[in-house]
Amino acid sequence: MDTNHIELLHSKALQLLKDLEAMHIIKMHKVIEQPKEQKLSEQYRGMLSKEEGIELNCHIDQMRNAWNNSSCV
């Protein structure tokens, strides 16, 4: 038997397919879609409040300045 991928264009099409499956004319398989890859910025958007974000940026700047001001011996 052939396997076909179809796109339903009308809301009643799914019920027609279910009826055909009930009559053992076709068999429908559930397809689990793979989640789209998200950018980390999209994934974590909104996790910090604006104030927390400002504090974090200040802390990162302080750490960078400390790193840049230290000398390797």
PDB file of N, CA and C in Angstrom:
ATOM      1  N   MET A   1       0.830  -1.188   0.000  1.00  0.00           N
ATOM      2  CA  MET A   1       0.000   0.000   0.000  1.00  0.00           C
ATOM      3  C   MET A   1       0.870   1.245   0.000  1.00  0.00           C
ATOM      4  N   ASP A   2       0.321   2.314  -0.526  1.00  0.00           N
ATOM      5  CA  ASP A   2       1.027   3.589  -0.585  1.00  0.00           C
ATOM      6  C   ASP A   2       0.739   4.425   0.658  1.00  0.00           C
ATOM      7  N   THR A   3       1.711   5.225   1.018  1.00  0.00           N
ATOM      8  CA  THR A   3       1.536   6.197   2.097  1.00  0.00           C
ATOM      9  C   THR A   3       1.608   7.571   1.476  1.00  0.00           C
ATOM     10  N   ASN A   4       0.609   8.405   1.761  1.00  0.00           N
ATOM     11  CA  ASN A   4       0.548   9.747   1.199  1.00  0.00           C
ATOM     12  C   ASN A   4       0.442  10.775   2.316  1.00  0.00           C
ATOM     13  N   HIS A   5       1.002  11.913   2.041  1.00  0.00           N
ATOM     14  CA  HIS A   5       0.912  13.044   2.969  1.00  0.00           C
ATOM     15  C   HIS A   5      -0.075  14.028   2.349  1.00  0.00           C
ATOM     16  N   ILE A   6      -1.094  14.420   3.116  1.00  0.00           N
ATOM     17  CA  ILE A   6      -2.104  15.314   2.558  1.00  0.00           C
ATOM     18  C   ILE A   6      -2.243  16.561   3.423  1.00  0.00           C
ATOM     19  N   GLU A   7      -2.745  17.610   2.840  1.00  0.00           N
ATOM     20  CA  GLU A   7      -3.041  18.851   3.551  1.00  0.00           C
ATOM     21  C   GLU A   7      -4.548  19.063   3.500  1.00  0.00           C
ATOM     22  N   LEU A   8      -5.158  19.223   4.662  1.00  0.00           N
ATOM     23  CA  LEU A   8      -6.604  19.424   4.725  1.00  0.00           C
ATOM     24  C   LEU A   8      -6.920  20.891   4.459  1.00  0.00           C
ATOM     25  N   LEU A   9      -7.764  21.127   3.471  1.00  0.00           N
ATOM     26  CA  LEU A   9      -8.093  22.493   3.083  1.00  0.00           C
ATOM     27  C   LEU A   9      -9.469  22.937   3.588  1.00  0.00           C
ATOM     28  N   HIS A  10     -10.240  21.994   4.091  1.00  0.00           N
ATOM     29  CA  HIS A  10     -11.585  22.314   4.555  1.00  0.00           C
ATOM     30  C   HIS A  10     -11.789  21.667   5.914  1.00  0.00           C
ATOM     31  N   SER A  11     -12.531  22.312   6.786  1.00  0.00           N
ATOM     32  CA  SER A  11     -12.720  21.799   8.139  1.00  0.00           C
ATOM     33  C   SER A  11     -13.457  20.455   8.169  1.00  0.00           C
ATOM     34  N   LYS A  12     -14.251  20.156   7.166  1.00  0.00           N
ATOM     35  CA  LYS A  12     -14.996  18.900   7.142  1.00  0.00           C
ATOM     36  C   LYS A  12     -14.166  17.732   6.605  1.00  0.00           C
ATOM     37  N   ALA A  13     -12.990  18.020   6.065  1.00  0.00           N
ATOM     38  CA  ALA A  13     -12.157  16.976   5.471  1.00  0.00           C
ATOM     39  C   ALA A  13     -11.689  15.973   6.517  1.00  0.00           C
ATOM     40  N   LEU A  14     -11.367  16.437   7.713  1.00  0.00           N
ATOM     41  CA  LEU A  14     -10.911  15.526   8.748  1.00  0.00           C
ATOM     42  C   LEU A  14     -11.997  14.527   9.122  1.00  0.00           C
ATOM     43  N   GLN A  15     -13.225  14.982   9.212  1.00  0.00           N
ATOM     44  CA  GLN A  15     -14.314  14.063   9.555  1.00  0.00           C
ATOM     45  C   GLN A  15     -14.517  13.020   8.448  1.00  0.00           C
ATOM     46  N   LEU A  16     -14.370  13.438   7.188  1.00  0.00           N
ATOM     47  CA  LEU A  16     -14.466  12.476   6.088  1.00  0.00           C
ATOM     48  C   LEU A  16     -13.383  11.407   6.199  1.00  0.00           C
ATOM     49  N   LEU A  17     -12.180  11.824   6.536  1.00  0.00           N
ATOM     50  CA  LEU A  17     -11.091  10.867   6.694  1.00  0.00           C
ATOM     51  C   LEU A  17     -11.350   9.927   7.866  1.00  0.00           C
ATOM     52  N   LYS A  18     -11.880  10.449   8.951  1.00  0.00           N
ATOM     53  CA  LYS A  18     -12.212   9.599  10.094  1.00  0.00           C
ATOM     54  C   LYS A  18     -13.291   8.586   9.727  1.00  0.00           C
ATOM     55  N   ASP A  19     -14.258   9.012   8.911  1.00  0.00           N
ATOM     56  CA  ASP A  19     -15.297   8.087   8.450  1.00  0.00           C
ATOM     57  C   ASP A  19     -14.697   6.977   7.589  1.00  0.00           C
ATOM     58  N   LEU A  20     -13.770   7.345   6.698  1.00  0.00           N
ATOM     59  CA  LEU A  20     -13.107   6.344   5.861  1.00  0.00           C
ATOM     60  C   LEU A  20     -12.288   5.378   6.716  1.00  0.00           C
ATOM     61  N   GLU A  21     -11.687   5.882   7.769  1.00  0.00           N
ATOM     62  CA  GLU A  21     -10.924   5.017   8.652  1.00  0.00           C
ATOM     63  C   GLU A  21     -11.863   4.062   9.406  1.00  0.00           C
ATOM     64  N   ALA A  22     -13.015   4.560   9.817  1.00  0.00           N
ATOM     65  CA  ALA A  22     -13.992   3.721  10.521  1.00  0.00           C
ATOM     66  C   ALA A  22     -14.501   2.595   9.624  1.00  0.00           C
ATOM     67  N   MET A  23     -14.538   2.830   8.312  1.00  0.00           N
ATOM     68  CA  MET A  23     -14.979   1.805   7.365  1.00  0.00           C
ATOM     69  C   MET A  23     -13.820   0.915   6.916  1.00  0.00           C
ATOM     70  N   HIS A  24     -12.635   1.099   7.531  1.00  0.00           N
ATOM     71  CA  HIS A  24     -11.437   0.324   7.231  1.00  0.00           C
ATOM     72  C   HIS A  24     -11.003   0.473   5.776  1.00  0.00           C
ATOM     73  N   ILE A  25     -11.202   1.662   5.239  1.00  0.00           N
ATOM     74  CA  ILE A  25     -10.749   1.957   3.877  1.00  0.00           C
ATOM     75  C   ILE A  25      -9.351   2.579   3.916  1.00  0.00           C
ATOM     76  N   ILE A  26      -9.120   3.401   4.914  1.00  0.00           N
ATOM     77  CA  ILE A  26      -7.807   4.016   5.093  1.00  0.00           C
ATOM     78  C   ILE A  26      -7.389   3.849   6.548  1.00  0.00           C
ATOM     79  N   LYS A  27      -6.118   4.075   6.805  1.00  0.00           N
ATOM     80  CA  LYS A  27      -5.618   4.102   8.175  1.00  0.00           C
ATOM     81  C   LYS A  27      -4.835   5.390   8.345  1.00  0.00           C
ATOM     82  N   MET A  28      -5.184   6.142   9.378  1.00  0.00           N
ATOM     83  CA  MET A  28      -4.484   7.403   9.628  1.00  0.00           C
ATOM     84  C   MET A  28      -3.419   7.179  10.695  1.00  0.00           C
ATOM     85  N   HIS A  29      -2.279   7.829  10.498  1.00  0.00           N
ATOM     86  CA  HIS A  29      -1.167   7.769  11.442  1.00  0.00           C
ATOM     87  C   HIS A  29      -0.959   9.167  12.006  1.00  0.00           C
ATOM     88  N   LYS A  30      -0.794   9.233  13.313  1.00  0.00           N
ATOM     89  CA  LYS A  30      -0.512  10.521  13.930  1.00  0.00           C
ATOM     90  C   LYS A  30       0.949  10.868  13.693  1.00  0.00           C
ATOM     91  N   VAL A  31       1.196  12.077  13.264  1.00  0.00           N
ATOM     92  CA  VAL A  31       2.557  12.529  13.021  1.00  0.00           C
ATOM     93  C   VAL A  31       2.931  13.489  14.140  1.00  0.00           C
ATOM     94  N   ILE A  32       4.027  13.180  14.797  1.00  0.00           N
ATOM     95  CA  ILE A  32       4.523  14.056  15.850  1.00  0.00           C
ATOM     96  C   ILE A  32       5.527  15.000  15.212  1.00  0.00           C
ATOM     97  N   GLU A  33       5.192  16.282  15.235  1.00  0.00           N
ATOM     98  CA  GLU A  33       6.081  17.267  14.623  1.00  0.00           C
ATOM     99  C   GLU A  33       7.246  17.557  15.542  1.00  0.00           C
ATOM    100  N   GLN A  34       8.410  17.680  14.933  1.00  0.00           N
ATOM    101  CA  GLN A  34       9.593  18.037  15.687  1.00  0.00           C
ATOM    102  C   GLN A  34       9.536  19.524  16.015  1.00  0.00           C
ATOM    103  N   PRO A  35       9.848  19.883  17.240  1.00  0.00           N
ATOM    104  CA  PRO A  35       9.827  21.312  17.581  1.00  0.00           C
ATOM    105  C   PRO A  35      10.885  22.067  16.786  1.00  0.00           C
ATOM    106  N   LYS A  36      10.533  23.273  16.388  1.00  0.00           N
ATOM    107  CA  LYS A  36      11.480  24.100  15.648  1.00  0.00           C
ATOM    108  C   LYS A  36      12.592  24.533  16.593  1.00  0.00           C
ATOM    109  N   GLU A  37      13.795  24.612  16.035  1.00  0.00           N
ATOM    110  CA  GLU A  37      14.908  25.081  16.854  1.00  0.00           C
ATOM    111  C   GLU A  37      14.724  26.555  17.126  1.00  0.00           C
ATOM    112  N   GLN A  38      14.820  26.918  18.394  1.00  0.00           N
ATOM    113  CA  GLN A  38      14.688  28.304  18.787  1.00  0.00           C
ATOM    114  C   GLN A  38      16.057  28.865  19.110  1.00  0.00           C
ATOM    115  N   LYS A  39      16.220  30.136  18.826  1.00  0.00           N
ATOM    116  CA  LYS A  39      17.425  30.810  19.269  1.00  0.00           C
ATOM    117  C   LYS A  39      17.348  30.917  20.783  1.00  0.00           C
ATOM    118  N   LEU A  40      18.494  30.920  21.421  1.00  0.00           N
ATOM    119  CA  LEU A  40      18.492  31.046  22.878  1.00  0.00           C
ATOM    120  C   LEU A  40      17.826  32.339  23.316  1.00  0.00           C
ATOM    121  N   SER A  41      18.026  33.407  22.547  1.00  0.00           N
ATOM    122  CA  SER A  41      17.407  34.683  22.913  1.00  0.00           C
ATOM    123  C   SER A  41      15.883  34.583  22.885  1.00  0.00           C
ATOM    124  N   GLU A  42      15.341  33.811  21.937  1.00  0.00           N
ATOM    125  CA  GLU A  42      13.894  33.619  21.877  1.00  0.00           C
ATOM    126  C   GLU A  42      13.416  32.709  22.998  1.00  0.00           C
ATOM    127  N   GLN A  43      14.222  31.709  23.318  1.00  0.00           N
ATOM    128  CA  GLN A  43      13.837  30.736  24.321  1.00  0.00           C
ATOM    129  C   GLN A  43      13.745  31.371  25.707  1.00  0.00           C
ATOM    130  N   TYR A  44      14.648  32.301  25.996  1.00  0.00           N
ATOM    131  CA  TYR A  44      14.696  32.891  27.330  1.00  0.00           C
ATOM    132  C   TYR A  44      14.117  34.303  27.389  1.00  0.00           C
ATOM    133  N   ARG A  45      13.502  34.766  26.317  1.00  0.00           N
ATOM    134  CA  ARG A  45      12.919  36.096  26.290  1.00  0.00           C
ATOM    135  C   ARG A  45      11.857  36.213  27.389  1.00  0.00           C
ATOM    136  N   GLY A  46      11.935  37.291  28.162  1.00  0.00           N
ATOM    137  CA  GLY A  46      10.947  37.544  29.199  1.00  0.00           C
ATOM    138  C   GLY A  46      11.226  36.856  30.518  1.00  0.00           C
ATOM    139  N   MET A  47      12.345  36.140  30.626  1.00  0.00           N
ATOM    140  CA  MET A  47      12.648  35.432  31.867  1.00  0.00           C
ATOM    141  C   MET A  47      13.102  36.401  32.962  1.00  0.00           C
ATOM    142  N   LEU A  48      13.737  37.483  32.576  1.00  0.00           N
ATOM    143  CA  LEU A  48      14.196  38.484  33.538  1.00  0.00           C
ATOM    144  C   LEU A  48      13.361  39.746  33.386  1.00  0.00           C
ATOM    145  N   SER A  49      13.129  40.400  34.510  1.00  0.00           N
ATOM    146  CA  SER A  49      12.451  41.687  34.423  1.00  0.00           C
ATOM    147  C   SER A  49      13.436  42.703  33.856  1.00  0.00           C
ATOM    148  N   LYS A  50      12.952  43.860  33.478  1.00  0.00           N
ATOM    149  CA  LYS A  50      13.819  44.891  32.914  1.00  0.00           C
ATOM    150  C   LYS A  50      14.877  45.304  33.933  1.00  0.00           C
ATOM    151  N   GLU A  51      14.456  45.424  35.194  1.00  0.00           N
ATOM    152  CA  GLU A  51      15.390  45.820  36.246  1.00  0.00           C
ATOM    153  C   GLU A  51      16.468  44.755  36.456  1.00  0.00           C
ATOM    154  N   GLU A  52      16.056  43.487  36.451  1.00  0.00           N
ATOM    155  CA  GLU A  52      17.028  42.396  36.608  1.00  0.00           C
ATOM    156  C   GLU A  52      18.000  42.371  35.436  1.00  0.00           C
ATOM    157  N   GLY A  53      17.504  42.662  34.246  1.00  0.00           N
ATOM    158  CA  GLY A  53      18.365  42.704  33.067  1.00  0.00           C
ATOM    159  C   GLY A  53      19.403  43.810  33.165  1.00  0.00           C
ATOM    160  N   ILE A  54      18.987  44.972  33.658  1.00  0.00           N
ATOM    161  CA  ILE A  54      19.921  46.099  33.821  1.00  0.00           C
ATOM    162  C   ILE A  54      20.978  45.742  34.855  1.00  0.00           C
ATOM    163  N   GLU A  55      20.550  45.141  35.984  1.00  0.00           N
ATOM    164  CA  GLU A  55      21.505  44.726  37.019  1.00  0.00           C
ATOM    165  C   GLU A  55      22.480  43.690  36.479  1.00  0.00           C
ATOM    166  N   LEU A  56      21.985  42.750  35.704  1.00  0.00           N
ATOM    167  CA  LEU A  56      22.845  41.720  35.130  1.00  0.00           C
ATOM    168  C   LEU A  56      23.867  42.339  34.177  1.00  0.00           C
ATOM    169  N   ASN A  57      23.433  43.272  33.337  1.00  0.00           N
ATOM    170  CA  ASN A  57      24.357  43.929  32.405  1.00  0.00           C
ATOM    171  C   ASN A  57      25.424  44.702  33.161  1.00  0.00           C
ATOM    172  N   CYS A  58      25.051  45.383  34.255  1.00  0.00           N
ATOM    173  CA  CYS A  58      26.031  46.112  35.065  1.00  0.00           C
ATOM    174  C   CYS A  58      27.039  45.146  35.668  1.00  0.00           C
ATOM    175  N   HIS A  59      26.554  44.026  36.177  1.00  0.00           N
ATOM    176  CA  HIS A  59      27.440  43.033  36.777  1.00  0.00           C
ATOM    177  C   HIS A  59      28.397  42.469  35.723  1.00  0.00           C
ATOM    178  N   ILE A  60      27.899  42.191  34.540  1.00  0.00           N
ATOM    179  CA  ILE A  60      28.754  41.669  33.457  1.00  0.00           C
ATOM    180  C   ILE A  60      29.809  42.693  33.078  1.00  0.00           C
ATOM    181  N   ASP A  61      29.416  43.960  32.988  1.00  0.00           N
ATOM    182  CA  ASP A  61      30.390  45.026  32.683  1.00  0.00           C
ATOM    183  C   ASP A  61      31.471  45.094  33.748  1.00  0.00           C
ATOM    184  N   GLN A  62      31.081  44.975  35.041  1.00  0.00           N
ATOM    185  CA  GLN A  62      32.058  45.014  36.131  1.00  0.00           C
ATOM    186  C   GLN A  62      33.020  43.833  36.014  1.00  0.00           C
ATOM    187  N   MET A  63      32.494  42.654  35.693  1.00  0.00           N
ATOM    188  CA  MET A  63      33.352  41.476  35.551  1.00  0.00           C
ATOM    189  C   MET A  63      34.311  41.641  34.380  1.00  0.00           C
ATOM    190  N   ARG A  64      33.847  42.199  33.279  1.00  0.00           N
ATOM    191  CA  ARG A  64      34.721  42.406  32.107  1.00  0.00           C
ATOM    192  C   ARG A  64      35.823  43.411  32.443  1.00  0.00           C
ATOM    193  N   ASN A  65      35.446  44.483  33.144  1.00  0.00           N
ATOM    194  CA  ASN A  65      36.451  45.487  33.514  1.00  0.00           C
ATOM    195  C   ASN A  65      37.490  44.879  34.450  1.00  0.00           C
ATOM    196  N   ALA A  66      37.050  44.071  35.397  1.00  0.00           N
ATOM    197  CA  ALA A  66      37.990  43.431  36.312  1.00  0.00           C
ATOM    198  C   ALA A  66      38.912  42.493  35.543  1.00  0.00           C
ATOM    199  N   TRP A  67      38.368  41.770  34.587  1.00  0.00           N
ATOM    200  CA  TRP A  67      39.170  40.849  33.778  1.00  0.00           C
ATOM    201  C   TRP A  67      40.197  41.615  32.939  1.00  0.00           C
ATOM    202  N   ASN A  68      39.741  42.725  32.324  1.00  0.00           N
ATOM    203  CA  ASN A  68      40.628  43.521  31.468  1.00  0.00           C
ATOM    204  C   ASN A  68      41.692  44.242  32.280  1.00  0.00           C
ATOM    205  N   ASN A  69      41.391  44.602  33.522  1.00  0.00           N
ATOM    206  CA  ASN A  69      42.346  45.335  34.347  1.00  0.00           C
ATOM    207  C   ASN A  69      43.373  44.429  35.025  1.00  0.00           C
ATOM    208  N   SER A  70      43.073  43.142  35.103  1.00  0.00           N
ATOM    209  CA  SER A  70      44.025  42.221  35.732  1.00  0.00           C
ATOM    210  C   SER A  70      45.132  41.905  34.727  1.00  0.00           C
ATOM    211  N   SER A  71      46.310  41.691  35.269  1.00  0.00           N
ATOM    212  CA  SER A  71      47.419  41.365  34.368  1.00  0.00           C
ATOM    213  C   SER A  71      47.897  39.950  34.636  1.00  0.00           C
ATOM    214  N   CYS A  72      48.325  39.294  33.611  1.00  0.00           N
ATOM    215  CA  CYS A  72      48.846  37.936  33.759  1.00  0.00           C
ATOM    216  C   CYS A  72      50.290  38.012  34.188  1.00  0.00           C
ATOM    217  N   VAL A  73      50.648  37.219  35.146  1.00  0.00           N
ATOM    218  CA  VAL A  73      52.027  37.219  35.643  1.00  0.00           C
ATOM    219  C   VAL A  73      52.735  35.992  35.173  1.00  0.00           C
TER     220      VAL A  73
END
